[in-house]
Protein backbone atom coordinates (compact mmCIF):
# COMPACT_ATOMS: atom_id res chain seq x y z
CA UNK A 1 13.10 5.60 -10.40
CA UNK A 2 9.58 6.62 -9.93
CA UNK A 3 9.37 7.09 -13.93
CA UNK A 4 10.03 3.56 -14.57
CA UNK A 5 7.67 2.28 -11.89
CA UNK A 6 5.17 4.31 -13.31
CA UNK A 7 6.17 3.47 -17.19
CA UNK A 8 6.20 -0.34 -16.53
CA UNK A 9 3.13 -0.27 -14.82
CA UNK A 10 1.40 1.41 -17.59
CA UNK A 11 3.30 -0.46 -20.20
CA UNK A 12 1.61 -3.69 -18.68
CA UNK A 13 -1.15 -2.84 -18.53
CA UNK A 14 -1.62 -1.51 -22.01
CA UNK A 15 0.66 -4.04 -23.36
CA UNK A 16 -1.33 -6.52 -22.21
CA UNK A 17 -4.86 -5.31 -23.68
CA UNK A 18 -3.71 -7.52 -27.04
CA UNK A 19 -4.56 -10.76 -24.74
CA UNK A 20 -7.88 -10.26 -24.52
CA UNK A 21 -9.78 -13.13 -22.50
CA UNK A 22 -12.93 -13.51 -20.77
CA UNK A 23 -12.07 -11.80 -17.37
CA UNK A 24 -9.92 -8.87 -19.09
CA UNK A 25 -10.93 -5.18 -18.27
CA UNK A 26 -10.47 -2.34 -16.56
CA UNK A 27 -11.86 -1.04 -13.60
CA UNK A 28 -11.71 1.36 -10.43
CA UNK A 29 -11.09 0.63 -6.85
CA UNK A 30 -10.82 1.63 -3.03
CA UNK A 31 -11.59 0.77 0.42
CA UNK A 32 -10.02 0.89 3.98
CA UNK A 33 -6.63 0.24 5.21
CA UNK A 34 -5.88 -1.32 9.03
CA UNK A 35 -2.48 0.17 9.04
CA UNK A 36 0.51 -0.33 11.10
CA UNK A 37 4.18 1.26 10.03
CA UNK A 38 7.03 -1.08 10.51
CA UNK A 39 7.60 -2.70 13.85
CA UNK A 40 8.16 0.13 16.39
CA UNK A 41 8.29 3.29 17.21
CA UNK A 42 11.21 5.14 19.34
CA UNK A 43 9.38 7.20 21.60
CA UNK A 44 11.11 10.02 22.92
CA UNK A 45 13.05 9.46 26.26
CA UNK A 46 11.75 5.85 26.32
CA UNK A 47 12.32 2.62 24.90
CA UNK A 48 10.33 1.22 21.53
CA UNK A 49 6.88 0.18 21.58
CA UNK A 50 4.69 -1.21 19.41
CA UNK A 51 2.03 1.54 17.46
CA UNK A 52 -1.56 1.27 17.58
CA UNK A 53 -3.15 0.41 14.42
CA UNK A 54 -5.44 2.53 12.41
CA UNK A 55 -7.65 3.19 9.85
CA UNK A 56 -6.84 4.75 6.56
CA UNK A 57 -8.16 4.63 2.92
CA UNK A 58 -7.02 3.95 -0.87
CA UNK A 59 -8.41 4.82 -4.38
CA UNK A 60 -7.08 3.55 -7.73
CA UNK A 61 -7.52 1.70 -10.69
CA UNK A 62 -6.72 -1.45 -12.04
CA UNK A 63 -6.33 -3.70 -15.22
CA UNK A 64 -6.86 -7.54 -15.30
CA UNK A 65 -5.97 -9.76 -17.65
CA UNK A 66 -6.67 -13.69 -18.10
CA UNK A 67 -9.49 -15.51 -16.91
CA UNK A 68 -8.81 -18.44 -14.56
CA UNK A 69 -5.21 -17.53 -14.23
CA UNK A 70 -4.74 -13.79 -14.50
CA UNK A 71 -2.11 -10.83 -13.97
CA UNK A 72 -3.80 -7.81 -12.28
CA UNK A 73 -1.69 -4.58 -12.29
CA UNK A 74 -3.16 -1.58 -10.08
CA UNK A 75 -2.18 2.05 -9.45
CA UNK A 76 -3.42 3.17 -6.18
CA UNK A 77 -3.17 6.15 -3.96
CA UNK A 78 -3.15 5.35 -0.33
CA UNK A 79 -3.36 7.09 2.97
CA UNK A 80 -2.33 5.75 6.35
CA UNK A 81 -2.58 6.88 9.72
CA UNK A 82 -0.97 5.51 13.03
CA UNK A 83 -1.18 6.70 16.30
CA UNK A 84 1.45 6.57 19.01
CA UNK A 85 1.27 7.92 22.57
CA UNK A 86 2.86 11.23 21.81
CA UNK A 87 1.27 11.67 18.13
CA UNK A 88 -0.04 10.48 14.99
CA UNK A 89 2.30 9.37 12.05
CA UNK A 90 0.66 9.97 8.51
CA UNK A 91 1.59 8.73 5.12
CA UNK A 92 0.36 9.12 1.76
CA UNK A 93 1.64 7.05 -1.16
CA UNK A 94 1.13 5.77 -4.56
CA UNK A 95 1.15 1.76 -4.79
CA UNK A 96 1.58 -0.12 -7.80
CA UNK A 97 1.18 -3.89 -6.66
CA UNK A 98 1.50 -6.27 -9.88
CA UNK A 99 -0.65 -9.18 -8.94
CA UNK A 100 -0.95 -12.89 -10.14
CA UNK A 101 -4.45 -14.47 -9.42
CA UNK A 102 -6.18 -17.99 -9.84
CA UNK A 103 -10.22 -17.85 -9.84
CA UNK A 104 -11.71 -20.99 -8.54
CA UNK A 105 -15.60 -22.03 -8.24
CA UNK A 106 -16.25 -19.04 -10.85
CA UNK A 107 -16.64 -16.59 -7.66
CA UNK A 108 -13.32 -17.07 -5.61
CA UNK A 109 -9.56 -15.84 -6.47
CA UNK A 110 -6.28 -15.75 -4.59
CA UNK A 111 -3.74 -13.79 -5.22
CA UNK A 112 -0.12 -12.65 -4.57
CA UNK A 113 2.56 -10.18 -5.89
CA UNK A 114 4.95 -7.64 -5.70
CA UNK A 115 3.92 -4.03 -4.62
CA UNK A 116 6.02 -0.74 -5.21
CA UNK A 117 5.46 2.20 -3.32
CA UNK A 118 6.60 5.53 -3.80
CA UNK A 119 6.12 7.61 -0.63
CA UNK A 120 4.72 11.44 -1.57
CA UNK A 121 4.05 13.30 2.28
CA UNK A 122 5.24 12.07 5.45
CA UNK A 123 4.02 13.67 8.40
CA UNK A 124 4.25 13.50 12.46
CA UNK A 125 1.85 15.70 14.73
CA UNK A 126 1.32 17.84 11.78
CA UNK A 127 5.39 18.18 11.14
CA UNK A 128 6.54 17.74 7.61
CA UNK A 129 9.26 14.93 7.75
CA UNK A 130 11.47 15.44 4.78
CA UNK A 131 14.29 12.69 5.42
CA UNK A 132 12.45 9.30 4.87
CA UNK A 133 15.46 6.81 4.11
CA UNK A 134 13.76 5.62 0.56
CA UNK A 135 11.03 7.13 -1.20
CA UNK A 136 10.58 3.99 -3.01
CA UNK A 137 9.95 0.79 -1.50
CA UNK A 138 9.13 -3.04 -2.67
CA UNK A 139 6.78 -4.93 -0.50
CA UNK A 140 4.50 -8.09 -0.85
CA UNK A 141 0.69 -8.53 -1.44
CA UNK A 142 -1.34 -11.50 -1.06
CA UNK A 143 -5.29 -11.97 -0.19
CA UNK A 144 -8.66 -13.26 -1.05
CA UNK A 145 -11.29 -12.10 -3.20
CA UNK A 146 -14.93 -12.95 -4.29
CA UNK A 147 -15.97 -11.45 -7.65
CA UNK A 148 -19.78 -11.32 -8.81
CA UNK A 149 -20.33 -10.01 -12.28
CA UNK A 150 -18.46 -6.52 -12.78
CA UNK A 151 -18.05 -6.11 -8.80
CA UNK A 152 -15.56 -7.36 -6.49
CA UNK A 153 -14.37 -7.35 -2.56
CA UNK A 154 -10.79 -8.56 -1.67
CA UNK A 155 -9.03 -8.64 1.35
CA UNK A 156 -5.22 -8.88 1.06
CA UNK A 157 -2.11 -8.13 3.80
CA UNK A 158 0.26 -6.22 2.54
CA UNK A 159 3.84 -6.00 4.45
CA UNK A 160 7.08 -3.75 3.05
CA UNK A 161 10.47 -6.17 2.66
CA UNK A 162 13.12 -3.54 3.69
CA UNK A 163 13.55 -0.97 6.84
CA UNK A 164 12.89 2.38 5.80
CA UNK A 165 13.23 4.90 8.52
CA UNK A 166 12.07 8.59 8.86
CA UNK A 167 14.05 10.53 11.27
CA UNK A 168 13.03 13.85 12.98
CA UNK A 169 13.94 16.29 15.76
CA UNK A 170 11.82 17.56 18.27
CA UNK A 171 12.76 20.60 20.63
CA UNK A 172 9.58 20.56 22.69
CA UNK A 173 11.01 19.01 26.21
CA UNK A 174 13.56 21.30 26.72
CA UNK A 175 16.44 19.76 24.35
CA UNK A 176 16.63 18.37 20.98
CA UNK A 177 15.70 14.68 20.81
CA UNK A 178 16.35 12.69 17.19
CA UNK A 179 13.55 10.26 16.80
CA UNK A 180 12.82 7.78 14.03
CA UNK A 181 9.58 5.86 12.54
CA UNK A 182 10.13 3.02 10.42
CA UNK A 183 7.51 3.71 7.10
CA UNK A 184 7.59 0.67 6.02
CA UNK A 185 4.01 -0.57 5.83
CA UNK A 186 1.83 -3.46 7.37
CA UNK A 187 -1.76 -3.35 6.25
CA UNK A 188 -4.89 -5.16 6.10
CA UNK A 189 -6.62 -3.82 3.19
CA UNK A 190 -10.30 -4.08 2.16
CA UNK A 191 -11.27 -3.46 -1.09
CA UNK A 192 -14.31 -3.09 -3.59
CA UNK A 193 -13.68 -2.81 -7.03
CA UNK A 194 -15.89 -2.25 -10.29
CA UNK A 195 -15.22 -3.52 -13.57
CA UNK A 196 -15.79 -0.66 -16.35
């Protein structure tokens, strides 16, 4: 399935180059994420709590095809971190959003579309979590941006569509307790992009 997502993204990027218009091009992007995973964390021996949101980062590349109305597929490495009362949950993933956008007043744009995620690695308190329910999930990205010449800044919101739990066993408190974290992303993403 992951090969299908990556192949489809690359096919869209390279297949659309024959329809070059004014705004068409490729570039690199990076920035910060303000992250939360899912809606709650089931803490050991306590009721579910809302996690604190934390700063992560992302780096990747994109293609942009079109001018006033455009398609923008991206392939991005994302690292997120969420702090809880009894530890820190870290996740590394590949994101492949396929966005449709509308440019207006020559500088501004709005966009949205699905985002496919492939989870590479998850850790809670430096313990690798191997049994994430689904390695591949689908979410939604939408946002606004400003583009001046070859430099762009955008702010977007990302939300995963379906629950995706990671479970782990903790033996630290004198007994075996099974806990879970909903790994579904919920993020504000601030990006700086440069068209090459």
